[in-house]
N, C-alpha and C. Protein backbone atom coordinates (compact mmCIF):
# COMPACT_ATOMS: atom_id res chain seq x y z
N VAL A 1 -5.59 7.65 17.97
CA VAL A 1 -6.21 8.70 17.30
C VAL A 1 -5.73 8.64 15.73
N LEU A 2 -6.66 8.80 14.84
CA LEU A 2 -6.35 8.77 13.45
C LEU A 2 -6.68 10.13 12.87
N TYR A 3 -5.75 10.81 12.22
CA TYR A 3 -5.93 12.09 11.60
C TYR A 3 -6.33 11.83 10.05
N VAL A 4 -7.35 12.18 9.58
CA VAL A 4 -7.87 11.83 8.31
C VAL A 4 -8.08 13.16 7.49
N LYS A 5 -7.59 13.20 6.29
CA LYS A 5 -7.83 14.29 5.39
C LYS A 5 -8.39 13.63 4.06
N GLY A 6 -9.68 14.06 3.83
CA GLY A 6 -10.34 13.39 2.64
C GLY A 6 -11.60 12.80 3.07
N ASP A 7 -12.06 11.71 2.35
CA ASP A 7 -13.32 11.07 2.61
C ASP A 7 -13.18 10.06 3.71
N LYS A 8 -13.69 10.29 4.85
CA LYS A 8 -13.58 9.28 5.99
C LYS A 8 -14.52 8.09 5.79
N SER A 9 -15.48 8.18 4.94
CA SER A 9 -16.39 7.06 4.76
C SER A 9 -15.66 5.89 4.13
N LEU A 10 -14.44 6.14 3.48
CA LEU A 10 -13.79 5.10 2.80
C LEU A 10 -13.17 4.11 3.92
N LEU A 11 -13.10 4.49 5.04
CA LEU A 11 -12.55 3.77 6.23
C LEU A 11 -13.55 2.77 6.90
N ASN A 12 -14.76 2.84 6.42
CA ASN A 12 -15.86 2.04 6.98
C ASN A 12 -16.76 1.41 6.01
N GLY A 13 -17.04 0.09 6.05
CA GLY A 13 -18.09 -0.48 5.31
C GLY A 13 -17.72 -0.74 3.82
N ARG A 14 -16.51 -0.61 3.48
CA ARG A 14 -16.13 -0.81 2.04
C ARG A 14 -15.03 -1.95 1.90
N LEU A 15 -15.16 -2.71 0.79
CA LEU A 15 -14.11 -3.73 0.66
C LEU A 15 -12.71 -3.07 0.37
N THR A 16 -11.77 -3.38 1.08
CA THR A 16 -10.41 -2.76 0.87
C THR A 16 -9.43 -3.90 0.63
N MET A 17 -8.42 -3.38 -0.24
CA MET A 17 -7.26 -4.32 -0.46
C MET A 17 -6.01 -3.36 -0.36
N GLY A 18 -5.16 -3.90 0.50
CA GLY A 18 -3.80 -3.30 0.55
C GLY A 18 -2.88 -3.82 -0.57
N ILE A 19 -2.22 -2.93 -1.12
CA ILE A 19 -1.12 -3.23 -2.19
C ILE A 19 0.11 -2.60 -1.76
N VAL A 20 1.09 -3.46 -1.56
CA VAL A 20 2.48 -2.97 -1.08
C VAL A 20 3.49 -3.75 -1.95
N GLY A 21 4.65 -3.10 -1.82
CA GLY A 21 5.84 -3.71 -2.71
C GLY A 21 7.00 -2.78 -2.56
N THR A 22 8.02 -3.18 -3.23
CA THR A 22 9.28 -2.47 -3.18
C THR A 22 9.34 -1.09 -3.59
N ARG A 23 10.25 -0.31 -3.14
CA ARG A 23 10.37 1.11 -3.49
C ARG A 23 11.23 1.26 -4.82
N THR A 24 11.95 0.13 -5.12
CA THR A 24 12.70 0.20 -6.35
C THR A 24 12.28 -0.91 -7.35
N PRO A 25 11.04 -0.82 -7.90
CA PRO A 25 10.44 -1.97 -8.72
C PRO A 25 11.03 -2.04 -10.06
N SER A 26 10.88 -3.22 -10.64
CA SER A 26 11.27 -3.41 -12.00
C SER A 26 10.05 -2.98 -12.89
N SER A 27 10.17 -2.80 -14.16
CA SER A 27 9.11 -2.40 -15.03
C SER A 27 7.97 -3.49 -14.98
N TYR A 28 8.31 -4.83 -14.78
CA TYR A 28 7.31 -5.78 -14.55
C TYR A 28 6.39 -5.46 -13.34
N GLY A 29 7.02 -5.13 -12.24
CA GLY A 29 6.31 -4.85 -10.99
C GLY A 29 5.45 -3.68 -11.15
N VAL A 30 5.90 -2.58 -11.86
CA VAL A 30 5.08 -1.41 -12.10
C VAL A 30 3.81 -1.78 -12.91
N GLU A 31 4.00 -2.48 -14.05
CA GLU A 31 2.87 -2.89 -15.00
C GLU A 31 1.88 -3.75 -14.14
N ALA A 32 2.41 -4.65 -13.42
CA ALA A 32 1.53 -5.63 -12.73
C ALA A 32 0.66 -4.84 -11.62
N VAL A 33 1.25 -3.92 -10.88
CA VAL A 33 0.56 -3.11 -9.96
C VAL A 33 -0.42 -2.23 -10.60
N ARG A 34 -0.06 -1.67 -11.71
CA ARG A 34 -0.93 -0.79 -12.43
C ARG A 34 -2.19 -1.54 -12.91
N LEU A 35 -1.92 -2.77 -13.39
CA LEU A 35 -2.97 -3.52 -13.95
C LEU A 35 -4.00 -3.93 -12.79
N VAL A 36 -3.44 -4.53 -11.85
CA VAL A 36 -4.36 -5.05 -10.67
C VAL A 36 -4.93 -3.90 -10.01
N GLY A 37 -4.23 -2.95 -9.70
CA GLY A 37 -4.78 -1.75 -8.97
C GLY A 37 -5.92 -1.03 -9.84
N ARG A 38 -5.78 -0.93 -11.07
CA ARG A 38 -6.85 -0.42 -11.85
C ARG A 38 -8.06 -1.31 -11.78
N GLN A 39 -7.93 -2.62 -11.93
CA GLN A 39 -9.04 -3.60 -11.98
C GLN A 39 -9.74 -3.64 -10.61
N LEU A 40 -8.98 -3.54 -9.58
CA LEU A 40 -9.61 -3.67 -8.21
C LEU A 40 -10.42 -2.30 -8.00
N ALA A 41 -9.85 -1.17 -8.33
CA ALA A 41 -10.46 0.11 -8.16
C ALA A 41 -11.84 0.24 -9.01
N ALA A 42 -11.69 -0.37 -10.30
CA ALA A 42 -12.76 -0.28 -11.12
C ALA A 42 -14.01 -1.14 -10.65
N ALA A 43 -13.50 -2.16 -9.90
CA ALA A 43 -14.62 -3.03 -9.32
C ALA A 43 -15.13 -2.63 -8.05
N GLY A 44 -14.78 -1.43 -7.61
CA GLY A 44 -15.23 -0.75 -6.46
C GLY A 44 -14.50 -1.09 -5.14
N VAL A 45 -13.37 -1.73 -5.22
CA VAL A 45 -12.49 -1.97 -4.05
C VAL A 45 -11.70 -0.83 -3.73
N VAL A 46 -11.60 -0.40 -2.45
CA VAL A 46 -10.67 0.69 -2.06
C VAL A 46 -9.22 0.24 -1.94
N VAL A 47 -8.35 0.85 -2.65
CA VAL A 47 -6.94 0.45 -2.68
C VAL A 47 -6.25 1.15 -1.46
N VAL A 48 -5.59 0.45 -0.64
CA VAL A 48 -4.94 1.08 0.56
C VAL A 48 -3.46 0.74 0.34
N SER A 49 -2.64 1.80 0.45
CA SER A 49 -1.11 1.64 0.46
C SER A 49 -0.56 2.64 1.32
N GLY A 50 0.84 2.81 1.17
CA GLY A 50 1.62 3.65 2.03
C GLY A 50 2.20 4.87 1.55
N LEU A 51 1.89 5.35 0.36
CA LEU A 51 2.31 6.54 -0.25
C LEU A 51 3.86 6.59 -0.40
N ALA A 52 4.53 5.43 -0.31
CA ALA A 52 6.02 5.38 -0.46
C ALA A 52 6.27 5.43 -1.98
N ALA A 53 7.61 5.73 -2.22
CA ALA A 53 8.19 5.59 -3.70
C ALA A 53 7.94 4.23 -4.07
N GLY A 54 7.80 4.18 -5.42
CA GLY A 54 7.81 2.69 -5.96
C GLY A 54 6.39 2.14 -6.03
N LEU A 55 6.09 1.01 -5.63
CA LEU A 55 4.81 0.28 -5.86
C LEU A 55 3.72 0.81 -5.14
N ASP A 56 3.87 1.37 -3.90
CA ASP A 56 2.90 1.90 -3.13
C ASP A 56 2.35 3.12 -4.01
N ALA A 57 3.11 4.01 -4.39
CA ALA A 57 2.74 5.18 -5.20
C ALA A 57 1.97 4.68 -6.47
N GLU A 58 2.46 3.61 -7.20
CA GLU A 58 1.88 3.16 -8.32
C GLU A 58 0.45 2.51 -8.02
N ALA A 59 0.25 1.98 -6.91
CA ALA A 59 -1.10 1.50 -6.46
C ALA A 59 -1.97 2.65 -6.39
N HIS A 60 -1.60 3.69 -5.75
CA HIS A 60 -2.50 4.91 -5.60
C HIS A 60 -2.84 5.60 -6.92
N LYS A 61 -1.83 5.65 -7.83
CA LYS A 61 -2.09 6.18 -9.15
C LYS A 61 -2.97 5.31 -9.90
N ALA A 62 -2.91 3.96 -9.85
CA ALA A 62 -3.76 3.01 -10.58
C ALA A 62 -5.14 3.30 -10.13
N ALA A 63 -5.42 3.31 -8.90
CA ALA A 63 -6.69 3.47 -8.32
C ALA A 63 -7.37 4.88 -8.94
N LEU A 64 -6.56 5.92 -8.79
CA LEU A 64 -7.07 7.18 -9.30
C LEU A 64 -7.30 7.17 -10.80
N ALA A 65 -6.39 6.52 -11.51
CA ALA A 65 -6.54 6.44 -12.93
C ALA A 65 -7.93 5.71 -13.38
N ALA A 66 -8.38 4.78 -12.54
CA ALA A 66 -9.63 4.09 -12.78
C ALA A 66 -10.73 4.77 -12.20
N GLU A 67 -10.57 6.01 -11.69
CA GLU A 67 -11.56 6.75 -11.11
C GLU A 67 -12.20 6.09 -9.83
N GLY A 68 -11.36 5.35 -9.22
CA GLY A 68 -11.80 4.47 -7.97
C GLY A 68 -11.25 5.33 -6.76
N TYR A 69 -11.32 4.59 -5.68
CA TYR A 69 -10.91 5.12 -4.39
C TYR A 69 -9.68 4.56 -3.76
N THR A 70 -8.87 5.39 -3.17
CA THR A 70 -7.72 4.94 -2.57
C THR A 70 -7.49 5.61 -1.17
N VAL A 71 -6.74 4.97 -0.32
CA VAL A 71 -6.50 5.41 1.03
C VAL A 71 -4.95 5.25 1.21
N ALA A 72 -4.34 6.50 1.60
CA ALA A 72 -2.88 6.42 1.73
C ALA A 72 -2.62 6.59 3.31
N CYS A 73 -1.81 5.54 3.81
CA CYS A 73 -1.44 5.58 5.23
C CYS A 73 -0.08 6.23 5.23
N ILE A 74 0.13 7.32 5.98
CA ILE A 74 1.41 8.12 6.02
C ILE A 74 1.98 7.91 7.40
N ALA A 75 3.38 8.13 7.44
CA ALA A 75 4.17 7.97 8.56
C ALA A 75 4.67 9.38 9.08
N PHE A 76 3.83 10.30 9.02
CA PHE A 76 4.16 11.74 9.40
C PHE A 76 2.79 12.60 9.51
N GLY A 77 3.03 13.90 9.90
CA GLY A 77 1.82 14.66 9.96
C GLY A 77 1.41 15.08 8.54
N HIS A 78 0.13 15.53 8.48
CA HIS A 78 -0.41 15.84 7.10
C HIS A 78 0.27 17.17 6.44
N ASP A 79 0.99 17.80 7.22
CA ASP A 79 1.70 19.05 6.77
C ASP A 79 3.14 18.71 6.13
N HIS A 80 3.47 17.48 6.05
CA HIS A 80 4.70 16.99 5.60
C HIS A 80 4.39 16.02 4.55
N CYS A 81 5.49 15.49 3.70
CA CYS A 81 5.37 14.54 2.81
C CYS A 81 6.70 13.74 2.53
N TYR A 82 6.70 12.50 2.66
CA TYR A 82 7.92 11.77 2.37
C TYR A 82 7.51 10.56 1.55
N PRO A 83 8.21 10.42 0.45
CA PRO A 83 9.12 11.40 -0.16
C PRO A 83 8.49 12.57 -0.70
N ALA A 84 9.31 13.73 -0.70
CA ALA A 84 8.74 14.97 -1.20
C ALA A 84 8.17 14.91 -2.54
N ALA A 85 8.80 14.04 -3.36
CA ALA A 85 8.32 13.91 -4.80
C ALA A 85 6.90 13.42 -4.85
N ASN A 86 6.34 12.93 -3.75
CA ASN A 86 4.91 12.40 -3.83
C ASN A 86 3.94 13.36 -3.22
N ARG A 87 4.36 14.76 -3.13
CA ARG A 87 3.43 15.69 -2.56
C ARG A 87 2.22 15.88 -3.46
N ARG A 88 2.40 15.89 -4.78
CA ARG A 88 1.23 16.16 -5.51
C ARG A 88 0.21 14.86 -5.48
N LEU A 89 0.89 13.74 -5.53
CA LEU A 89 0.06 12.47 -5.31
C LEU A 89 -0.72 12.53 -4.07
N MET A 90 -0.06 12.89 -3.06
CA MET A 90 -0.75 13.05 -1.68
C MET A 90 -1.97 13.96 -1.81
N GLU A 91 -1.77 15.00 -2.43
CA GLU A 91 -2.90 16.05 -2.60
C GLU A 91 -4.00 15.39 -3.40
N MET A 92 -3.67 14.61 -4.45
CA MET A 92 -4.73 14.01 -5.22
C MET A 92 -5.45 13.01 -4.43
N VAL A 93 -4.76 12.21 -3.62
CA VAL A 93 -5.44 11.18 -2.78
C VAL A 93 -6.27 11.84 -1.76
N GLU A 94 -5.83 13.01 -1.22
CA GLU A 94 -6.70 13.74 -0.20
C GLU A 94 -7.93 14.20 -0.93
N ARG A 95 -7.81 14.60 -2.20
CA ARG A 95 -9.07 15.12 -2.94
C ARG A 95 -10.05 14.00 -3.36
N TYR A 96 -9.40 12.85 -3.77
CA TYR A 96 -10.41 11.81 -4.29
C TYR A 96 -10.39 10.51 -3.47
N GLY A 97 -9.72 10.61 -2.42
CA GLY A 97 -9.77 9.41 -1.48
C GLY A 97 -9.55 9.85 -0.15
N ALA A 98 -8.65 9.26 0.64
CA ALA A 98 -8.35 9.80 1.97
C ALA A 98 -6.88 9.41 2.41
N VAL A 99 -6.28 10.37 3.21
CA VAL A 99 -4.98 10.15 3.67
C VAL A 99 -5.06 10.19 5.18
N ILE A 100 -4.49 9.11 5.75
CA ILE A 100 -4.75 8.97 7.16
C ILE A 100 -3.29 8.85 7.82
N SER A 101 -3.19 9.46 9.09
CA SER A 101 -1.99 9.31 9.83
C SER A 101 -2.29 9.05 11.37
N GLU A 102 -1.33 8.53 12.06
CA GLU A 102 -1.45 8.55 13.47
C GLU A 102 -0.74 9.63 14.05
N TYR A 103 -0.15 10.57 13.22
CA TYR A 103 0.74 11.72 13.73
C TYR A 103 0.01 13.10 13.56
N PRO A 104 0.12 13.92 14.52
CA PRO A 104 -0.52 15.31 14.31
C PRO A 104 0.41 16.19 13.45
N LEU A 105 -0.12 17.26 12.99
CA LEU A 105 0.58 18.17 12.31
C LEU A 105 1.94 18.55 12.93
N GLY A 106 2.86 18.75 12.17
CA GLY A 106 4.29 19.12 12.66
C GLY A 106 5.11 17.97 12.88
N VAL A 107 4.67 16.73 12.72
CA VAL A 107 5.53 15.61 13.07
C VAL A 107 6.06 15.08 11.70
N ARG A 108 7.47 15.07 11.67
CA ARG A 108 8.17 14.53 10.46
C ARG A 108 8.45 13.01 10.62
N SER A 109 8.61 12.35 9.43
CA SER A 109 8.75 10.94 9.44
C SER A 109 10.00 10.60 10.22
N GLU A 110 9.99 9.50 10.90
CA GLU A 110 11.18 8.85 11.50
C GLU A 110 11.04 7.31 11.21
N ARG A 111 12.22 6.70 11.20
CA ARG A 111 12.22 5.34 10.73
C ARG A 111 11.28 4.44 11.47
N PRO A 112 11.05 4.54 12.74
CA PRO A 112 10.14 3.48 13.31
C PRO A 112 8.63 3.83 12.99
N PHE A 113 8.48 5.04 12.47
CA PHE A 113 6.97 5.37 12.16
C PHE A 113 6.63 4.52 10.84
N PHE A 114 7.50 4.11 9.98
CA PHE A 114 7.10 3.44 8.86
C PHE A 114 6.60 2.07 9.18
N LEU A 115 7.22 1.33 10.21
CA LEU A 115 6.60 0.05 10.66
C LEU A 115 5.30 0.24 11.18
N GLN A 116 5.03 1.30 11.96
CA GLN A 116 3.74 1.60 12.53
C GLN A 116 2.68 1.76 11.41
N ARG A 117 3.20 2.55 10.27
CA ARG A 117 2.27 2.80 9.21
C ARG A 117 1.98 1.49 8.50
N ASN A 118 2.88 0.55 8.46
CA ASN A 118 2.69 -0.77 7.74
C ASN A 118 1.61 -1.50 8.57
N ARG A 119 1.62 -1.33 9.87
CA ARG A 119 0.56 -2.02 10.68
C ARG A 119 -0.76 -1.44 10.36
N LEU A 120 -0.89 -0.13 10.09
CA LEU A 120 -2.11 0.49 9.78
C LEU A 120 -2.63 0.03 8.43
N ILE A 121 -1.84 -0.11 7.56
CA ILE A 121 -2.17 -0.60 6.15
C ILE A 121 -2.79 -1.97 6.33
N ALA A 122 -2.19 -2.86 7.02
CA ALA A 122 -2.66 -4.16 7.21
C ALA A 122 -3.97 -4.10 8.03
N ALA A 123 -4.23 -3.38 8.99
CA ALA A 123 -5.38 -3.16 9.82
C ALA A 123 -6.49 -2.79 8.98
N LEU A 124 -6.38 -1.82 8.01
CA LEU A 124 -7.40 -1.25 7.27
C LEU A 124 -7.80 -2.12 6.02
N SER A 125 -7.08 -3.16 5.75
CA SER A 125 -7.21 -3.93 4.54
C SER A 125 -7.94 -5.31 4.80
N HIS A 126 -8.80 -5.64 3.98
CA HIS A 126 -9.41 -6.98 4.00
C HIS A 126 -8.53 -8.00 3.64
N GLY A 127 -7.68 -7.66 2.71
CA GLY A 127 -6.75 -8.54 2.05
C GLY A 127 -5.48 -7.73 1.71
N LEU A 128 -4.29 -8.48 1.59
CA LEU A 128 -3.01 -7.77 1.30
C LEU A 128 -2.45 -8.33 0.07
N LEU A 129 -2.20 -7.52 -0.90
CA LEU A 129 -1.58 -8.01 -2.23
C LEU A 129 -0.06 -7.55 -2.21
N VAL A 130 0.86 -8.37 -2.38
CA VAL A 130 2.25 -8.13 -2.30
C VAL A 130 2.80 -8.25 -3.81
N ALA A 131 3.47 -7.20 -4.14
CA ALA A 131 4.19 -7.29 -5.62
C ALA A 131 5.58 -6.85 -5.41
N GLU A 132 6.49 -7.71 -5.75
CA GLU A 132 7.94 -7.51 -5.71
C GLU A 132 8.40 -6.99 -4.42
N ALA A 133 8.74 -7.99 -3.62
CA ALA A 133 9.37 -7.70 -2.18
C ALA A 133 10.49 -8.64 -1.93
N ARG A 134 11.51 -8.10 -1.47
CA ARG A 134 12.77 -8.91 -1.01
C ARG A 134 12.12 -9.69 0.25
N GLN A 135 12.87 -10.84 0.45
CA GLN A 135 12.53 -11.72 1.66
C GLN A 135 12.61 -10.92 3.03
N HIS A 136 13.48 -9.98 3.10
CA HIS A 136 13.67 -9.26 4.30
C HIS A 136 13.53 -7.85 3.95
N SER A 137 12.29 -7.27 4.29
CA SER A 137 11.99 -5.92 3.74
C SER A 137 10.78 -5.25 4.64
N GLY A 138 10.66 -3.97 4.37
CA GLY A 138 9.56 -3.47 5.00
C GLY A 138 8.16 -4.03 4.68
N THR A 139 8.20 -4.33 3.32
CA THR A 139 6.92 -4.96 2.80
C THR A 139 6.51 -6.18 3.57
N MET A 140 7.54 -7.01 3.86
CA MET A 140 7.23 -8.28 4.56
C MET A 140 6.84 -8.04 5.95
N SER A 141 7.13 -6.85 6.51
CA SER A 141 6.62 -6.55 7.87
C SER A 141 5.22 -6.24 7.75
N THR A 142 4.72 -5.67 6.61
CA THR A 142 3.29 -5.53 6.42
C THR A 142 2.55 -6.82 6.30
N VAL A 143 3.27 -7.93 5.68
CA VAL A 143 2.64 -9.20 5.62
C VAL A 143 2.57 -9.76 6.95
N ASN A 144 3.55 -9.59 7.85
CA ASN A 144 3.42 -10.14 9.10
C ASN A 144 2.22 -9.51 9.92
N PHE A 145 2.04 -8.21 9.85
CA PHE A 145 0.98 -7.63 10.53
C PHE A 145 -0.32 -8.22 9.96
N ALA A 146 -0.45 -8.37 8.58
CA ALA A 146 -1.69 -8.78 8.00
C ALA A 146 -1.99 -10.20 8.60
N ALA A 147 -1.04 -11.06 8.73
CA ALA A 147 -1.21 -12.35 9.29
C ALA A 147 -1.59 -12.38 10.71
N GLU A 148 -1.14 -11.45 11.54
CA GLU A 148 -1.55 -11.36 12.90
C GLU A 148 -3.05 -11.05 12.89
N TYR A 149 -3.53 -10.11 11.95
CA TYR A 149 -4.94 -9.60 11.93
C TYR A 149 -5.89 -10.66 11.13
N GLY A 150 -5.20 -11.74 10.73
CA GLY A 150 -6.12 -12.66 10.07
C GLY A 150 -6.49 -12.21 8.52
N ARG A 151 -5.69 -11.47 7.92
CA ARG A 151 -6.10 -10.92 6.59
C ARG A 151 -5.45 -11.98 5.55
N GLU A 152 -6.23 -12.02 4.39
CA GLU A 152 -5.90 -12.91 3.38
C GLU A 152 -4.64 -12.39 2.60
N ASP A 153 -3.71 -13.16 2.32
CA ASP A 153 -2.48 -12.78 1.49
C ASP A 153 -2.59 -13.18 0.00
N PHE A 154 -2.20 -12.23 -0.78
CA PHE A 154 -2.10 -12.50 -2.22
C PHE A 154 -0.78 -12.01 -2.69
N ALA A 155 -0.26 -12.81 -3.62
CA ALA A 155 1.21 -12.28 -4.17
C ALA A 155 1.20 -12.41 -5.68
N ILE A 156 1.87 -11.49 -6.26
CA ILE A 156 2.07 -11.51 -7.70
C ILE A 156 3.41 -12.24 -7.90
N PRO A 157 3.45 -13.31 -8.66
CA PRO A 157 4.66 -14.15 -8.88
C PRO A 157 5.69 -13.21 -9.60
N GLY A 158 6.90 -13.45 -9.29
CA GLY A 158 8.06 -12.77 -9.98
C GLY A 158 9.04 -13.80 -10.54
N SER A 159 10.08 -13.26 -11.18
CA SER A 159 11.14 -13.86 -11.76
C SER A 159 11.93 -14.62 -10.73
N LEU A 160 12.28 -15.86 -10.89
CA LEU A 160 13.09 -16.65 -10.07
C LEU A 160 14.44 -16.15 -9.87
N LEU A 161 14.89 -15.25 -10.86
CA LEU A 161 16.19 -14.73 -10.96
C LEU A 161 16.37 -13.38 -10.19
N SER A 162 15.24 -12.84 -9.84
CA SER A 162 15.32 -11.46 -9.27
C SER A 162 15.18 -11.49 -7.73
N PRO A 163 16.12 -10.77 -7.11
CA PRO A 163 15.91 -10.81 -5.50
C PRO A 163 14.81 -9.98 -5.16
N LEU A 164 14.20 -9.17 -6.13
CA LEU A 164 12.98 -8.44 -5.78
C LEU A 164 11.82 -9.37 -5.68
N SER A 165 11.88 -10.46 -6.17
CA SER A 165 10.81 -11.53 -6.07
C SER A 165 10.90 -12.43 -4.98
N GLY A 166 11.95 -12.48 -4.21
CA GLY A 166 12.21 -13.50 -3.19
C GLY A 166 11.10 -13.56 -2.16
N GLY A 167 10.58 -12.46 -1.68
CA GLY A 167 9.59 -12.38 -0.76
C GLY A 167 8.26 -12.84 -1.22
N THR A 168 7.84 -12.38 -2.47
CA THR A 168 6.59 -12.66 -3.01
C THR A 168 6.46 -14.17 -3.50
N ASN A 169 7.63 -14.64 -4.08
CA ASN A 169 7.64 -16.09 -4.44
C ASN A 169 7.58 -17.00 -3.14
N GLY A 170 8.28 -16.58 -2.05
CA GLY A 170 8.25 -17.27 -0.80
C GLY A 170 6.82 -17.25 -0.18
N LEU A 171 6.13 -16.16 -0.27
CA LEU A 171 4.73 -16.18 0.14
C LEU A 171 3.95 -17.20 -0.62
N ILE A 172 4.18 -17.28 -1.85
CA ILE A 172 3.27 -18.29 -2.74
C ILE A 172 3.60 -19.72 -2.27
N ARG A 173 4.95 -19.89 -2.03
CA ARG A 173 5.38 -21.33 -1.58
C ARG A 173 4.62 -21.57 -0.22
N GLU A 174 4.54 -20.56 0.58
CA GLU A 174 3.91 -20.77 1.85
C GLU A 174 2.28 -20.73 1.88
N GLY A 175 1.78 -20.66 0.71
CA GLY A 175 0.35 -20.78 0.63
C GLY A 175 -0.41 -19.41 0.28
N ALA A 176 0.19 -18.40 0.13
CA ALA A 176 -0.54 -17.14 -0.28
C ALA A 176 -1.31 -17.40 -1.54
N ASN A 177 -2.32 -16.69 -1.74
CA ASN A 177 -3.05 -16.79 -2.98
C ASN A 177 -2.28 -16.11 -4.16
N LEU A 178 -2.23 -16.81 -5.20
CA LEU A 178 -1.65 -16.37 -6.42
C LEU A 178 -2.47 -15.23 -7.13
N ALA A 179 -1.88 -14.11 -7.26
CA ALA A 179 -2.61 -13.10 -7.96
C ALA A 179 -2.20 -13.02 -9.44
């Protein structure tokens, strides 16, 4: 069961791109996601992400700034928000896009729900763009789900000196498309 608040038509028949990354991005990661997210949304691509702090939130904001569409996959019921600081963003996505959950009203986030949410992001996306991810992170779990579903991987290259780019640079070494 999927619980949807917003425009359900965004879940069918549209080109979608998942954008995921660290919750603690560098200024480079934020600017890169803003640039790519705006360009994708302006081209009519629906941006899919997880409403998490950091680059997920920046992806949603970029799509909204371009007056494009975005879908947020959440790991809790629609009457909650994690992080609480993203409540207003969640409301904006509900109004101008869609927020989807596998959890009914009243369900608060729990650690395993975030991995399940990552599976949903990968399933809804035709491709997955990774920006700033450590080698071992929740972001990389989304990459694994995307690979299982046969999705195309894209990665924004990062600094060789930053642990935040270990996962993304590793993806490029392994054959991901350079974004």
